[in-house]
């Protein structure tokens, strides 16, 4: 039993947590964690009736909910107090030390396509990261790219595979699921060779390493390049937990954590 606030499902998940889930096969335990986090204010009881309700909402078997609940306890993402029978849903900064403060917006509707959501969250983050780096290089060179259309940034499937430490086939499947769910827009990219189509046979023989990527477009040969990725999700820099804003704008203090002593007014 818990007091549910519909607005509590709108929060930002650390991008590195999505990466961890994708790399270590924790997608579905993370799905349950996000559900529980949005369903209460940090603690709740979970009885058989609650497990049946959760299973119905997540479209899975009650045994699956129980198994993932146990997994979350082993991961120390949630705690349990036997005396009060309350489950404690730990905060994002309690369950891991994230080197990046980037977070991706989560909504309850994303639970229906959670695997695609986590994949899109990280793939989109990588695309945004490389786009910012490229923009920084352009600015340092004194160039302006403001007039260029923002159609995404090239992110190779091989790069996704390398960063997540998964197979190339699995990385390709994640990318397809993310696109199918509408969380990312994938635009095919081609590089013009300037070679006329009638030279196709000679071009393939001259550059055998590019033979499988040669295509005909209008009257010229083009090379299939890396797909451009544009995320439709919203990203935000998450605030540090130890910084608490006061009434005066721009003024904040660091409050030391005191173990075992509740903070009044919180």
C-alpha atoms as a PDB file:
ATOM      1  CA  UNK A   1       0.000   0.000   0.000  1.00  0.00           C
ATOM      2  CA  UNK A   2       1.264   3.489  -0.812  1.00  0.00           C
ATOM      3  CA  UNK A   3       0.125   6.973  -1.591  1.00  0.00           C
ATOM      4  CA  UNK A   4       0.531   7.381  -5.343  1.00  0.00           C
ATOM      5  CA  UNK A   5       1.110  10.732  -6.982  1.00  0.00           C
ATOM      6  CA  UNK A   6       0.745  10.667 -10.801  1.00  0.00           C
ATOM      7  CA  UNK A   7       3.322  13.441 -11.136  1.00  0.00           C
ATOM      8  CA  UNK A   8       5.921  11.404  -9.244  1.00  0.00           C
ATOM      9  CA  UNK A   9       6.520   9.287 -12.353  1.00  0.00           C
ATOM     10  CA  UNK A  10       8.149  12.275 -14.071  1.00  0.00           C
ATOM     11  CA  UNK A  11      11.810  12.105 -13.071  1.00  0.00           C
ATOM     12  CA  UNK A  12      15.204  11.880 -14.741  1.00  0.00           C
ATOM     13  CA  UNK A  13      17.055   8.560 -14.780  1.00  0.00           C
ATOM     14  CA  UNK A  14      20.882   8.700 -14.812  1.00  0.00           C
ATOM     15  CA  UNK A  15      22.080   7.823 -18.311  1.00  0.00           C
ATOM     16  CA  UNK A  16      24.864   5.708 -16.815  1.00  0.00           C
ATOM     17  CA  UNK A  17      22.251   3.629 -14.996  1.00  0.00           C
ATOM     18  CA  UNK A  18      20.637   2.873 -18.366  1.00  0.00           C
ATOM     19  CA  UNK A  19      24.056   1.888 -19.688  1.00  0.00           C
ATOM     20  CA  UNK A  20      24.610  -0.398 -16.685  1.00  0.00           C
ATOM     21  CA  UNK A  21      21.244  -2.083 -17.236  1.00  0.00           C
ATOM     22  CA  UNK A  22      21.979  -2.653 -20.936  1.00  0.00           C
ATOM     23  CA  UNK A  23      25.478  -3.994 -20.281  1.00  0.00           C
ATOM     24  CA  UNK A  24      24.628  -6.335 -17.404  1.00  0.00           C
ATOM     25  CA  UNK A  25      21.143  -7.550 -18.384  1.00  0.00           C
ATOM     26  CA  UNK A  26      19.364  -5.551 -15.674  1.00  0.00           C
ATOM     27  CA  UNK A  27      16.754  -3.947 -17.923  1.00  0.00           C
ATOM     28  CA  UNK A  28      13.725  -5.573 -16.326  1.00  0.00           C
ATOM     29  CA  UNK A  29      14.852  -5.174 -12.690  1.00  0.00           C
ATOM     30  CA  UNK A  30      15.444  -1.489 -13.533  1.00  0.00           C
ATOM     31  CA  UNK A  31      11.938  -1.358 -14.976  1.00  0.00           C
ATOM     32  CA  UNK A  32      10.479  -2.550 -11.677  1.00  0.00           C
ATOM     33  CA  UNK A  33      12.737  -0.128  -9.765  1.00  0.00           C
ATOM     34  CA  UNK A  34      11.464   2.835 -11.811  1.00  0.00           C
ATOM     35  CA  UNK A  35       7.883   1.681 -11.293  1.00  0.00           C
ATOM     36  CA  UNK A  36       8.359   1.463  -7.521  1.00  0.00           C
ATOM     37  CA  UNK A  37      10.213   4.779  -7.389  1.00  0.00           C
ATOM     38  CA  UNK A  38       7.350   6.551  -9.106  1.00  0.00           C
ATOM     39  CA  UNK A  39       4.643   4.817  -7.082  1.00  0.00           C
ATOM     40  CA  UNK A  40       5.589   6.176  -3.669  1.00  0.00           C
ATOM     41  CA  UNK A  41       7.566   8.790  -1.768  1.00  0.00           C
ATOM     42  CA  UNK A  42      10.496   6.514  -0.937  1.00  0.00           C
ATOM     43  CA  UNK A  43       8.931   3.657   1.001  1.00  0.00           C
ATOM     44  CA  UNK A  44       5.952   1.341   0.678  1.00  0.00           C
ATOM     45  CA  UNK A  45       4.611  -2.067   1.657  1.00  0.00           C
ATOM     46  CA  UNK A  46       4.352  -4.783  -0.966  1.00  0.00           C
ATOM     47  CA  UNK A  47       1.986  -7.678  -0.189  1.00  0.00           C
ATOM     48  CA  UNK A  48       0.544 -10.378  -2.434  1.00  0.00           C
ATOM     49  CA  UNK A  49      -2.235  -8.106  -3.605  1.00  0.00           C
ATOM     50  CA  UNK A  50       0.298  -5.396  -4.509  1.00  0.00           C
ATOM     51  CA  UNK A  51       2.423  -7.914  -6.427  1.00  0.00           C
ATOM     52  CA  UNK A  52      -0.635  -8.969  -8.453  1.00  0.00           C
ATOM     53  CA  UNK A  53      -1.418  -5.301  -9.201  1.00  0.00           C
ATOM     54  CA  UNK A  54       2.177  -4.568 -10.213  1.00  0.00           C
ATOM     55  CA  UNK A  55       2.253  -7.671 -12.428  1.00  0.00           C
ATOM     56  CA  UNK A  56      -0.933  -6.535 -14.179  1.00  0.00           C
ATOM     57  CA  UNK A  57       0.455  -3.033 -14.774  1.00  0.00           C
ATOM     58  CA  UNK A  58       3.797  -4.330 -16.047  1.00  0.00           C
ATOM     59  CA  UNK A  59       2.132  -7.077 -18.084  1.00  0.00           C
ATOM     60  CA  UNK A  60       4.133  -9.910 -16.536  1.00  0.00           C
ATOM     61  CA  UNK A  61       3.658 -12.870 -14.169  1.00  0.00           C
ATOM     62  CA  UNK A  62       3.579 -12.244 -10.380  1.00  0.00           C
ATOM     63  CA  UNK A  63       6.528 -14.659 -10.034  1.00  0.00           C
ATOM     64  CA  UNK A  64       8.527 -12.376 -12.321  1.00  0.00           C
ATOM     65  CA  UNK A  65       7.776  -9.412 -10.056  1.00  0.00           C
ATOM     66  CA  UNK A  66       8.851 -11.429  -7.017  1.00  0.00           C
ATOM     67  CA  UNK A  67      12.089 -12.524  -8.721  1.00  0.00           C
ATOM     68  CA  UNK A  68      12.965  -8.982  -9.767  1.00  0.00           C
ATOM     69  CA  UNK A  69      12.077  -7.692  -6.307  1.00  0.00           C
ATOM     70  CA  UNK A  70      14.590 -10.146  -4.835  1.00  0.00           C
ATOM     71  CA  UNK A  71      17.156  -9.065  -7.429  1.00  0.00           C
ATOM     72  CA  UNK A  72      16.698  -5.406  -6.468  1.00  0.00           C
ATOM     73  CA  UNK A  73      17.341  -6.312  -2.829  1.00  0.00           C
ATOM     74  CA  UNK A  74      20.539  -8.156  -3.775  1.00  0.00           C
ATOM     75  CA  UNK A  75      21.643  -5.108  -5.754  1.00  0.00           C
ATOM     76  CA  UNK A  76      20.817  -2.943  -2.708  1.00  0.00           C
ATOM     77  CA  UNK A  77      18.628  -0.716  -4.884  1.00  0.00           C
ATOM     78  CA  UNK A  78      15.822  -1.286  -2.407  1.00  0.00           C
ATOM     79  CA  UNK A  79      15.901  -2.176   1.279  1.00  0.00           C
ATOM     80  CA  UNK A  80      13.465  -4.010   3.529  1.00  0.00           C
ATOM     81  CA  UNK A  81      12.544  -3.438   7.180  1.00  0.00           C
ATOM     82  CA  UNK A  82      11.062  -6.701   8.580  1.00  0.00           C
ATOM     83  CA  UNK A  83       9.598  -5.010  11.671  1.00  0.00           C
ATOM     84  CA  UNK A  84       7.481  -2.497   9.756  1.00  0.00           C
ATOM     85  CA  UNK A  85       7.322  -4.566   6.540  1.00  0.00           C
ATOM     86  CA  UNK A  86       8.282  -1.508   4.537  1.00  0.00           C
ATOM     87  CA  UNK A  87      10.402  -1.549   1.391  1.00  0.00           C
ATOM     88  CA  UNK A  88      12.767   1.398   1.044  1.00  0.00           C
ATOM     89  CA  UNK A  89      13.208   2.600  -2.543  1.00  0.00           C
ATOM     90  CA  UNK A  90      16.693   4.105  -2.569  1.00  0.00           C
ATOM     91  CA  UNK A  91      17.495   7.197  -4.624  1.00  0.00           C
ATOM     92  CA  UNK A  92      19.606   7.197  -7.784  1.00  0.00           C
ATOM     93  CA  UNK A  93      22.643   8.629  -6.004  1.00  0.00           C
ATOM     94  CA  UNK A  94      22.346   5.964  -3.291  1.00  0.00           C
ATOM     95  CA  UNK A  95      22.549   3.005  -5.663  1.00  0.00           C
ATOM     96  CA  UNK A  96      25.608   4.101  -7.636  1.00  0.00           C
ATOM     97  CA  UNK A  97      28.345   6.678  -8.104  1.00  0.00           C
ATOM     98  CA  UNK A  98      27.701   8.165 -11.529  1.00  0.00           C
ATOM     99  CA  UNK A  99      30.558  10.051 -13.173  1.00  0.00           C
ATOM    100  CA  UNK A 100      28.071  11.856 -15.438  1.00  0.00           C
ATOM    101  CA  UNK A 101      25.217  13.983 -14.090  1.00  0.00           C
ATOM    102  CA  UNK A 102      23.214  13.594 -17.315  1.00  0.00           C
ATOM    103  CA  UNK A 103      19.706  12.242 -16.827  1.00  0.00           C
ATOM    104  CA  UNK A 104      16.986  11.229 -19.270  1.00  0.00           C
ATOM    105  CA  UNK A 105      13.324  11.969 -18.665  1.00  0.00           C
ATOM    106  CA  UNK A 106      11.146   9.055 -17.582  1.00  0.00           C
ATOM    107  CA  UNK A 107       7.370   8.816 -17.875  1.00  0.00           C
ATOM    108  CA  UNK A 108       5.093   6.012 -16.772  1.00  0.00           C
ATOM    109  CA  UNK A 109       4.068   5.271 -20.369  1.00  0.00           C
ATOM    110  CA  UNK A 110       7.697   4.291 -21.095  1.00  0.00           C
ATOM    111  CA  UNK A 111       7.203   1.150 -18.992  1.00  0.00           C
ATOM    112  CA  UNK A 112       5.425  -0.422 -21.979  1.00  0.00           C
ATOM    113  CA  UNK A 113       8.581  -0.112 -24.128  1.00  0.00           C
ATOM    114  CA  UNK A 114      11.192  -0.014 -21.393  1.00  0.00           C
ATOM    115  CA  UNK A 115      13.906  -1.926 -23.234  1.00  0.00           C
ATOM    116  CA  UNK A 116      13.605   0.454 -26.183  1.00  0.00           C
ATOM    117  CA  UNK A 117      13.556   3.385 -23.750  1.00  0.00           C
ATOM    118  CA  UNK A 118      16.821   2.399 -22.029  1.00  0.00           C
ATOM    119  CA  UNK A 119      18.500   1.722 -25.389  1.00  0.00           C
ATOM    120  CA  UNK A 120      17.319   5.068 -26.766  1.00  0.00           C
ATOM    121  CA  UNK A 121      18.406   6.871 -23.613  1.00  0.00           C
ATOM    122  CA  UNK A 122      22.012   5.769 -24.013  1.00  0.00           C
ATOM    123  CA  UNK A 123      22.228   5.863 -27.819  1.00  0.00           C
ATOM    124  CA  UNK A 124      20.740   9.361 -27.846  1.00  0.00           C
ATOM    125  CA  UNK A 125      23.142  10.429 -25.114  1.00  0.00           C
ATOM    126  CA  UNK A 126      26.133   9.223 -27.166  1.00  0.00           C
ATOM    127  CA  UNK A 127      24.815  11.101 -30.227  1.00  0.00           C
ATOM    128  CA  UNK A 128      24.369  14.309 -28.204  1.00  0.00           C
ATOM    129  CA  UNK A 129      27.801  13.907 -26.622  1.00  0.00           C
ATOM    130  CA  UNK A 130      29.597  13.609 -29.964  1.00  0.00           C
ATOM    131  CA  UNK A 131      27.528  16.450 -31.420  1.00  0.00           C
ATOM    132  CA  UNK A 132      28.595  18.754 -28.567  1.00  0.00           C
ATOM    133  CA  UNK A 133      32.228  17.731 -29.006  1.00  0.00           C
ATOM    134  CA  UNK A 134      32.045  18.440 -32.720  1.00  0.00           C
ATOM    135  CA  UNK A 135      30.423  21.816 -32.040  1.00  0.00           C
ATOM    136  CA  UNK A 136      33.183  22.652 -29.576  1.00  0.00           C
ATOM    137  CA  UNK A 137      35.852  21.822 -32.171  1.00  0.00           C
ATOM    138  CA  UNK A 138      34.070  23.948 -34.769  1.00  0.00           C
ATOM    139  CA  UNK A 139      33.895  26.907 -32.373  1.00  0.00           C
ATOM    140  CA  UNK A 140      37.581  26.569 -31.522  1.00  0.00           C
ATOM    141  CA  UNK A 141      38.352  26.748 -35.234  1.00  0.00           C
ATOM    142  CA  UNK A 142      36.284  29.902 -35.555  1.00  0.00           C
ATOM    143  CA  UNK A 143      33.577  28.245 -37.636  1.00  0.00           C
ATOM    144  CA  UNK A 144      29.842  28.495 -37.194  1.00  0.00           C
ATOM    145  CA  UNK A 145      27.503  25.524 -37.603  1.00  0.00           C
ATOM    146  CA  UNK A 146      24.308  27.249 -36.451  1.00  0.00           C
ATOM    147  CA  UNK A 147      22.849  27.260 -39.948  1.00  0.00           C
ATOM    148  CA  UNK A 148      23.319  23.526 -40.381  1.00  0.00           C
ATOM    149  CA  UNK A 149      20.146  21.419 -40.015  1.00  0.00           C
ATOM    150  CA  UNK A 150      20.104  19.339 -36.842  1.00  0.00           C
ATOM    151  CA  UNK A 151      19.362  15.920 -38.355  1.00  0.00           C
ATOM    152  CA  UNK A 152      21.381  14.014 -35.780  1.00  0.00           C
ATOM    153  CA  UNK A 153      24.913  12.810 -35.359  1.00  0.00           C
ATOM    154  CA  UNK A 154      26.535   9.657 -36.768  1.00  0.00           C
ATOM    155  CA  UNK A 155      26.610   6.822 -34.242  1.00  0.00           C
ATOM    156  CA  UNK A 156      27.857   3.511 -35.595  1.00  0.00           C
ATOM    157  CA  UNK A 157      26.310   0.251 -34.434  1.00  0.00           C
ATOM    158  CA  UNK A 158      29.856  -1.006 -33.878  1.00  0.00           C
ATOM    159  CA  UNK A 159      30.454   1.896 -31.462  1.00  0.00           C
ATOM    160  CA  UNK A 160      27.293   1.030 -29.500  1.00  0.00           C
ATOM    161  CA  UNK A 161      28.470  -2.572 -29.325  1.00  0.00           C
ATOM    162  CA  UNK A 162      31.892  -1.490 -28.044  1.00  0.00           C
ATOM    163  CA  UNK A 163      30.598   0.970 -25.421  1.00  0.00           C
ATOM    164  CA  UNK A 164      27.994  -1.436 -24.019  1.00  0.00           C
ATOM    165  CA  UNK A 165      30.280  -4.480 -24.380  1.00  0.00           C
ATOM    166  CA  UNK A 166      27.614  -6.465 -26.199  1.00  0.00           C
ATOM    167  CA  UNK A 167      27.550  -8.293 -29.526  1.00  0.00           C
ATOM    168  CA  UNK A 168      27.141  -6.412 -32.784  1.00  0.00           C
ATOM    169  CA  UNK A 169      23.879  -8.242 -33.456  1.00  0.00           C
ATOM    170  CA  UNK A 170      22.432  -7.271 -30.089  1.00  0.00           C
ATOM    171  CA  UNK A 171      23.481  -3.642 -30.570  1.00  0.00           C
ATOM    172  CA  UNK A 172      21.771  -3.605 -33.973  1.00  0.00           C
ATOM    173  CA  UNK A 173      18.597  -5.073 -32.450  1.00  0.00           C
ATOM    174  CA  UNK A 174      18.553  -2.429 -29.676  1.00  0.00           C
ATOM    175  CA  UNK A 175      18.895   0.301 -32.273  1.00  0.00           C
ATOM    176  CA  UNK A 176      15.995  -1.114 -34.311  1.00  0.00           C
ATOM    177  CA  UNK A 177      13.764  -1.387 -31.228  1.00  0.00           C
ATOM    178  CA  UNK A 178      14.577   2.188 -30.217  1.00  0.00           C
ATOM    179  CA  UNK A 179      13.692   3.415 -33.706  1.00  0.00           C
ATOM    180  CA  UNK A 180      10.497   1.350 -33.853  1.00  0.00           C
ATOM    181  CA  UNK A 181       9.319   2.800 -30.524  1.00  0.00           C
ATOM    182  CA  UNK A 182       9.872   6.326 -31.823  1.00  0.00           C
ATOM    183  CA  UNK A 183      12.449   7.271 -29.187  1.00  0.00           C
ATOM    184  CA  UNK A 184      15.135   7.966 -31.815  1.00  0.00           C
ATOM    185  CA  UNK A 185      15.039   9.097 -35.439  1.00  0.00           C
ATOM    186  CA  UNK A 186      17.472   7.240 -37.701  1.00  0.00           C
ATOM    187  CA  UNK A 187      18.456   8.900 -40.973  1.00  0.00           C
ATOM    188  CA  UNK A 188      20.483   7.019 -43.550  1.00  0.00           C
ATOM    189  CA  UNK A 189      23.641   8.795 -44.604  1.00  0.00           C
ATOM    190  CA  UNK A 190      25.540   8.561 -47.880  1.00  0.00           C
ATOM    191  CA  UNK A 191      28.896   9.860 -49.068  1.00  0.00           C
ATOM    192  CA  UNK A 192      29.144  10.984 -52.679  1.00  0.00           C
ATOM    193  CA  UNK A 193      32.067   9.483 -54.593  1.00  0.00           C
ATOM    194  CA  UNK A 194      31.741  11.684 -57.653  1.00  0.00           C
ATOM    195  CA  UNK A 195      32.062   8.540 -59.787  1.00  0.00           C
ATOM    196  CA  UNK A 196      29.437   7.910 -62.530  1.00  0.00           C
ATOM    197  CA  UNK A 197      27.282   4.786 -62.278  1.00  0.00           C
ATOM    198  CA  UNK A 198      28.817   3.104 -65.350  1.00  0.00           C
ATOM    199  CA  UNK A 199      32.134   2.900 -63.411  1.00  0.00           C
ATOM    200  CA  UNK A 200      30.554   0.776 -60.658  1.00  0.00           C
ATOM    201  CA  UNK A 201      32.270  -2.487 -61.592  1.00  0.00           C
ATOM    202  CA  UNK A 202      35.679  -0.805 -61.889  1.00  0.00           C
ATOM    203  CA  UNK A 203      35.146   1.127 -58.616  1.00  0.00           C
ATOM    204  CA  UNK A 204      34.319  -2.042 -56.667  1.00  0.00           C
ATOM    205  CA  UNK A 205      37.376  -3.775 -58.095  1.00  0.00           C
ATOM    206  CA  UNK A 206      39.598  -0.805 -57.184  1.00  0.00           C
ATOM    207  CA  UNK A 207      38.177  -0.482 -53.638  1.00  0.00           C
ATOM    208  CA  UNK A 208      37.145  -4.020 -52.578  1.00  0.00           C
ATOM    209  CA  UNK A 209      36.810  -2.951 -48.920  1.00  0.00           C
ATOM    210  CA  UNK A 210      33.934  -0.638 -49.966  1.00  0.00           C
ATOM    211  CA  UNK A 211      32.252  -3.024 -52.398  1.00  0.00           C
ATOM    212  CA  UNK A 212      29.430  -3.977 -50.017  1.00  0.00           C
ATOM    213  CA  UNK A 213      28.605  -0.322 -49.289  1.00  0.00           C
ATOM    214  CA  UNK A 214      28.435   0.992 -52.871  1.00  0.00           C
ATOM    215  CA  UNK A 215      25.000   2.188 -54.037  1.00  0.00           C
ATOM    216  CA  UNK A 216      23.658   3.980 -57.092  1.00  0.00           C
ATOM    217  CA  UNK A 217      21.953   7.317 -56.517  1.00  0.00           C
ATOM    218  CA  UNK A 218      20.771   9.187 -59.585  1.00  0.00           C
ATOM    219  CA  UNK A 219      23.744   9.195 -61.940  1.00  0.00           C
ATOM    220  CA  UNK A 220      26.526   8.729 -59.368  1.00  0.00           C
ATOM    221  CA  UNK A 221      27.897   6.140 -56.998  1.00  0.00           C
ATOM    222  CA  UNK A 222      27.571   6.765 -53.264  1.00  0.00           C
ATOM    223  CA  UNK A 223      28.945   5.005 -50.204  1.00  0.00           C
ATOM    224  CA  UNK A 224      26.601   4.023 -47.386  1.00  0.00           C
ATOM    225  CA  UNK A 225      27.849   5.958 -44.376  1.00  0.00           C
ATOM    226  CA  UNK A 226      27.064   5.790 -40.652  1.00  0.00           C
ATOM    227  CA  UNK A 227      23.402   6.405 -39.749  1.00  0.00           C
ATOM    228  CA  UNK A 228      22.528   9.751 -38.170  1.00  0.00           C
ATOM    229  CA  UNK A 229      20.844   9.452 -34.765  1.00  0.00           C
ATOM    230  CA  UNK A 230      18.486  12.069 -33.298  1.00  0.00           C
ATOM    231  CA  UNK A 231      16.890  11.397 -29.909  1.00  0.00           C
ATOM    232  CA  UNK A 232      13.302  12.440 -29.179  1.00  0.00           C
ATOM    233  CA  UNK A 233      13.821  12.031 -25.418  1.00  0.00           C
ATOM    234  CA  UNK A 234      14.519  14.965 -23.121  1.00  0.00           C
ATOM    235  CA  UNK A 235      17.836  15.156 -21.281  1.00  0.00           C
ATOM    236  CA  UNK A 236      18.772  17.235 -18.271  1.00  0.00           C
ATOM    237  CA  UNK A 237      21.745  17.703 -15.999  1.00  0.00           C
ATOM    238  CA  UNK A 238      20.762  16.265 -12.630  1.00  0.00           C
ATOM    239  CA  UNK A 239      21.541  18.374  -9.565  1.00  0.00           C
ATOM    240  CA  UNK A 240      23.909  17.032  -6.953  1.00  0.00           C
ATOM    241  CA  UNK A 241      22.076  15.623  -3.958  1.00  0.00           C
ATOM    242  CA  UNK A 242      24.137  17.543  -1.381  1.00  0.00           C
ATOM    243  CA  UNK A 243      23.226  20.945  -2.838  1.00  0.00           C
ATOM    244  CA  UNK A 244      20.010  22.392  -1.366  1.00  0.00           C
ATOM    245  CA  UNK A 245      18.656  25.678  -2.692  1.00  0.00           C
ATOM    246  CA  UNK A 246      17.709  28.384  -0.207  1.00  0.00           C
ATOM    247  CA  UNK A 247      15.216  31.212  -0.642  1.00  0.00           C
ATOM    248  CA  UNK A 248      17.852  33.578  -2.052  1.00  0.00           C
ATOM    249  CA  UNK A 249      18.556  32.982  -5.736  1.00  0.00           C
ATOM    250  CA  UNK A 250      22.029  31.712  -6.451  1.00  0.00           C
ATOM    251  CA  UNK A 251      22.748  30.978  -2.783  1.00  0.00           C
ATOM    252  CA  UNK A 252      23.046  27.356  -1.695  1.00  0.00           C
ATOM    253  CA  UNK A 253      24.573  25.455   1.182  1.00  0.00           C
ATOM    254  CA  UNK A 254      26.049  21.997   1.656  1.00  0.00           C
ATOM    255  CA  UNK A 255      24.273  20.078   4.402  1.00  0.00           C
ATOM    256  CA  UNK A 256      26.297  17.249   6.014  1.00  0.00           C
ATOM    257  CA  UNK A 257      24.460  13.980   6.382  1.00  0.00           C
ATOM    258  CA  UNK A 258      23.985  12.842   9.987  1.00  0.00           C
ATOM    259  CA  UNK A 259      23.434   9.114  10.336  1.00  0.00           C
ATOM    260  CA  UNK A 260      20.441   8.073  12.412  1.00  0.00           C
ATOM    261  CA  UNK A 261      19.141  11.610  12.967  1.00  0.00           C
ATOM    262  CA  UNK A 262      16.126  12.798  10.948  1.00  0.00           C
ATOM    263  CA  UNK A 263      16.291  16.262   9.383  1.00  0.00           C
ATOM    264  CA  UNK A 264      13.399  18.439  10.498  1.00  0.00           C
ATOM    265  CA  UNK A 265      11.226  19.991   7.870  1.00  0.00           C
ATOM    266  CA  UNK A 266      12.181  17.450   5.184  1.00  0.00           C
END
